[in-house]
N, C-alpha and C. Protein backbone atom coordinates (compact mmCIF):
# COMPACT_ATOMS: atom_id res chain seq x y z
N UNK A 1 0.84 -1.18 0.00
CA UNK A 1 0.00 0.00 0.00
C UNK A 1 0.89 1.24 0.00
N UNK A 2 0.69 2.11 -0.98
CA UNK A 2 1.48 3.33 -1.06
C UNK A 2 0.72 4.48 -0.42
N UNK A 3 1.49 5.35 0.21
CA UNK A 3 0.93 6.57 0.77
C UNK A 3 0.56 7.47 -0.41
N UNK A 4 -0.60 8.09 -0.36
CA UNK A 4 -1.06 8.88 -1.49
C UNK A 4 -0.26 10.16 -1.70
N UNK A 5 0.44 10.66 -0.68
CA UNK A 5 1.17 11.91 -0.81
C UNK A 5 2.64 11.72 -1.16
N UNK A 6 3.18 10.54 -0.96
CA UNK A 6 4.58 10.30 -1.25
C UNK A 6 4.74 8.96 -1.94
N UNK A 7 5.96 8.66 -2.34
CA UNK A 7 6.24 7.38 -2.98
C UNK A 7 6.81 6.38 -1.98
N UNK A 8 6.56 6.60 -0.70
CA UNK A 8 7.08 5.71 0.33
C UNK A 8 6.07 4.59 0.56
N UNK A 9 6.56 3.37 0.57
CA UNK A 9 5.71 2.21 0.82
C UNK A 9 5.65 1.92 2.31
N UNK A 10 4.46 1.69 2.82
CA UNK A 10 4.31 1.34 4.22
C UNK A 10 4.73 -0.11 4.42
N UNK A 11 5.42 -0.35 5.55
CA UNK A 11 5.88 -1.71 5.84
C UNK A 11 5.39 -2.13 7.22
N UNK A 12 5.40 -3.41 7.47
CA UNK A 12 5.05 -3.93 8.79
C UNK A 12 3.65 -3.57 9.21
N UNK A 13 3.51 -3.16 10.47
CA UNK A 13 2.20 -2.84 11.02
C UNK A 13 1.57 -1.63 10.34
N UNK A 14 2.39 -0.74 9.81
CA UNK A 14 1.85 0.45 9.14
C UNK A 14 1.04 0.07 7.91
N UNK A 15 1.34 -1.07 7.31
CA UNK A 15 0.62 -1.48 6.11
C UNK A 15 -0.72 -2.14 6.45
N UNK A 16 -0.96 -2.45 7.71
CA UNK A 16 -2.21 -3.10 8.13
C UNK A 16 -3.31 -2.07 8.31
N UNK A 17 -4.53 -2.51 8.20
CA UNK A 17 -5.66 -1.62 8.46
C UNK A 17 -5.72 -1.33 9.97
N UNK A 18 -6.41 -0.27 10.31
CA UNK A 18 -6.55 0.10 11.73
C UNK A 18 -7.22 -1.03 12.51
N UNK A 19 -8.21 -1.66 11.91
CA UNK A 19 -8.92 -2.75 12.58
C UNK A 19 -7.98 -3.92 12.87
N UNK A 20 -7.12 -4.25 11.89
CA UNK A 20 -6.17 -5.35 12.09
C UNK A 20 -5.16 -5.01 13.19
N UNK A 21 -4.69 -3.75 13.21
CA UNK A 21 -3.75 -3.34 14.25
C UNK A 21 -4.38 -3.43 15.63
N UNK A 22 -5.64 -2.99 15.74
CA UNK A 22 -6.34 -3.07 17.03
C UNK A 22 -6.53 -4.51 17.47
N UNK A 23 -6.88 -5.38 16.51
CA UNK A 23 -7.10 -6.79 16.83
C UNK A 23 -5.81 -7.44 17.33
N UNK A 24 -4.69 -7.15 16.68
CA UNK A 24 -3.41 -7.72 17.09
C UNK A 24 -2.99 -7.17 18.45
N UNK A 25 -3.18 -5.87 18.67
CA UNK A 25 -2.84 -5.28 19.96
C UNK A 25 -3.69 -5.88 21.07
N UNK A 26 -4.95 -6.13 20.78
CA UNK A 26 -5.84 -6.72 21.77
C UNK A 26 -5.38 -8.12 22.14
N UNK A 27 -4.98 -8.90 21.15
CA UNK A 27 -4.48 -10.24 21.42
C UNK A 27 -3.23 -10.20 22.30
N UNK A 28 -2.34 -9.23 22.02
CA UNK A 28 -1.13 -9.10 22.84
C UNK A 28 -1.46 -8.73 24.27
N UNK A 29 -2.41 -7.84 24.45
CA UNK A 29 -2.82 -7.45 25.80
C UNK A 29 -3.44 -8.59 26.57
N UNK A 30 -4.28 -9.35 25.88
CA UNK A 30 -4.92 -10.50 26.53
C UNK A 30 -3.89 -11.55 26.92
N UNK A 31 -2.90 -11.76 26.05
CA UNK A 31 -1.85 -12.74 26.34
C UNK A 31 -1.01 -12.29 27.53
N UNK A 32 -0.70 -10.99 27.60
CA UNK A 32 0.09 -10.48 28.72
C UNK A 32 -0.65 -10.62 30.04
N UNK A 33 -1.95 -10.35 30.02
CA UNK A 33 -2.74 -10.51 31.25
C UNK A 33 -2.83 -11.97 31.66
N UNK A 34 -3.00 -12.85 30.68
CA UNK A 34 -3.08 -14.28 30.98
C UNK A 34 -1.76 -14.80 31.55
N UNK A 35 -0.65 -14.25 31.05
CA UNK A 35 0.67 -14.67 31.51
C UNK A 35 1.01 -14.03 32.86
N UNK A 36 0.35 -12.92 33.17
CA UNK A 36 0.62 -12.23 34.43
C UNK A 36 1.71 -11.18 34.33
N UNK A 37 2.06 -10.79 33.11
CA UNK A 37 3.13 -9.80 32.94
C UNK A 37 2.62 -8.44 32.52
N UNK A 38 1.31 -8.26 32.44
CA UNK A 38 0.73 -6.97 32.04
C UNK A 38 0.89 -5.97 33.19
N UNK A 39 1.06 -4.71 32.82
CA UNK A 39 1.22 -3.67 33.83
C UNK A 39 -0.14 -3.33 34.42
N UNK A 40 -0.22 -3.28 35.73
CA UNK A 40 -1.44 -2.88 36.42
C UNK A 40 -1.19 -1.51 37.04
N UNK A 41 -1.93 -0.51 36.59
CA UNK A 41 -1.74 0.84 37.11
C UNK A 41 -2.25 0.94 38.54
N UNK A 42 -1.48 1.60 39.39
CA UNK A 42 -1.93 1.90 40.74
C UNK A 42 -2.81 3.15 40.68
N UNK A 43 -3.53 3.43 41.74
CA UNK A 43 -4.37 4.63 41.73
C UNK A 43 -3.52 5.89 41.65
N UNK A 44 -2.30 5.85 42.21
CA UNK A 44 -1.40 7.01 42.14
C UNK A 44 -0.94 7.25 40.70
N UNK A 45 -0.59 6.17 39.99
CA UNK A 45 -0.17 6.32 38.60
C UNK A 45 -1.32 6.84 37.74
N UNK A 46 -2.51 6.34 37.98
CA UNK A 46 -3.68 6.77 37.21
C UNK A 46 -3.98 8.24 37.47
N UNK A 47 -3.87 8.67 38.72
CA UNK A 47 -4.12 10.07 39.06
C UNK A 47 -3.09 10.97 38.40
N UNK A 48 -1.83 10.56 38.40
CA UNK A 48 -0.78 11.35 37.77
C UNK A 48 -1.01 11.46 36.26
N UNK A 49 -1.44 10.37 35.64
CA UNK A 49 -1.72 10.39 34.21
C UNK A 49 -2.90 11.32 33.91
N UNK A 50 -3.90 11.31 34.76
CA UNK A 50 -5.05 12.18 34.58
C UNK A 50 -4.67 13.65 34.68
N UNK A 51 -3.74 13.96 35.57
CA UNK A 51 -3.29 15.35 35.71
C UNK A 51 -2.52 15.81 34.47
N UNK A 52 -1.81 14.89 33.83
CA UNK A 52 -1.01 15.23 32.66
C UNK A 52 -1.83 15.32 31.38
N UNK A 53 -3.04 14.80 31.41
CA UNK A 53 -3.87 14.73 30.20
C UNK A 53 -4.04 16.10 29.57
N UNK A 54 -3.75 16.18 28.30
CA UNK A 54 -3.94 17.42 27.55
C UNK A 54 -2.76 18.37 27.59
N UNK A 55 -1.76 18.08 28.40
CA UNK A 55 -0.59 18.95 28.45
C UNK A 55 0.36 18.61 27.32
N UNK A 56 1.07 19.62 26.79
CA UNK A 56 2.10 19.32 25.80
C UNK A 56 3.20 18.47 26.44
N UNK A 57 3.91 17.71 25.64
CA UNK A 57 4.95 16.82 26.14
C UNK A 57 5.99 17.58 26.97
N UNK A 58 6.38 18.77 26.51
CA UNK A 58 7.40 19.53 27.23
C UNK A 58 6.92 19.90 28.63
N UNK A 59 5.63 20.22 28.77
CA UNK A 59 5.08 20.55 30.09
C UNK A 59 5.04 19.31 30.98
N UNK A 60 4.76 18.13 30.39
CA UNK A 60 4.73 16.90 31.17
C UNK A 60 6.12 16.57 31.67
N UNK A 61 7.13 16.77 30.83
CA UNK A 61 8.51 16.49 31.24
C UNK A 61 8.91 17.40 32.39
N UNK A 62 8.60 18.70 32.27
CA UNK A 62 8.92 19.64 33.33
C UNK A 62 8.19 19.28 34.62
N UNK A 63 6.93 18.89 34.50
CA UNK A 63 6.14 18.51 35.66
C UNK A 63 6.74 17.28 36.34
N UNK A 64 7.16 16.31 35.55
CA UNK A 64 7.74 15.09 36.10
C UNK A 64 9.07 15.40 36.79
N UNK A 65 9.88 16.27 36.19
CA UNK A 65 11.15 16.65 36.81
C UNK A 65 10.90 17.34 38.15
N UNK A 66 9.89 18.19 38.20
CA UNK A 66 9.54 18.88 39.43
C UNK A 66 9.08 17.89 40.49
N UNK A 67 8.27 16.91 40.10
CA UNK A 67 7.82 15.88 41.03
C UNK A 67 9.00 15.09 41.58
N UNK A 68 9.95 14.75 40.72
CA UNK A 68 11.13 14.00 41.14
C UNK A 68 11.97 14.80 42.14
N UNK A 69 12.13 16.09 41.87
CA UNK A 69 12.90 16.94 42.80
C UNK A 69 12.20 17.04 44.15
N UNK A 70 10.87 17.17 44.13
CA UNK A 70 10.12 17.27 45.37
C UNK A 70 10.17 15.98 46.17
N UNK A 71 10.13 14.84 45.49
CA UNK A 71 10.17 13.56 46.20
C UNK A 71 11.55 13.31 46.82
N UNK A 72 12.61 13.87 46.24
CA UNK A 72 13.95 13.71 46.78
C UNK A 72 14.13 14.49 48.08
N UNK A 73 13.42 15.61 48.21
CA UNK A 73 13.56 16.44 49.39
C UNK A 73 12.72 15.94 50.55
N UNK A 74 11.78 15.05 50.29
CA UNK A 74 10.91 14.54 51.37
C UNK A 74 11.50 13.36 52.05
């Protein structure tokens, strides 16, 4: 499948339809949970992610650095 704006050919997962990519990702997630190696978010991690939602990446990095500095002083 060629990209309509360039002559670059998509390879690997990029050449798959969105539905196929979602299906494969779902299978991987289910396998990880069945194996017991999937990441389980704690309520603290989920709260931190919610606070970062919508912020530009640079703001998230600065926020994380500030959190790290504050945790070192406590």
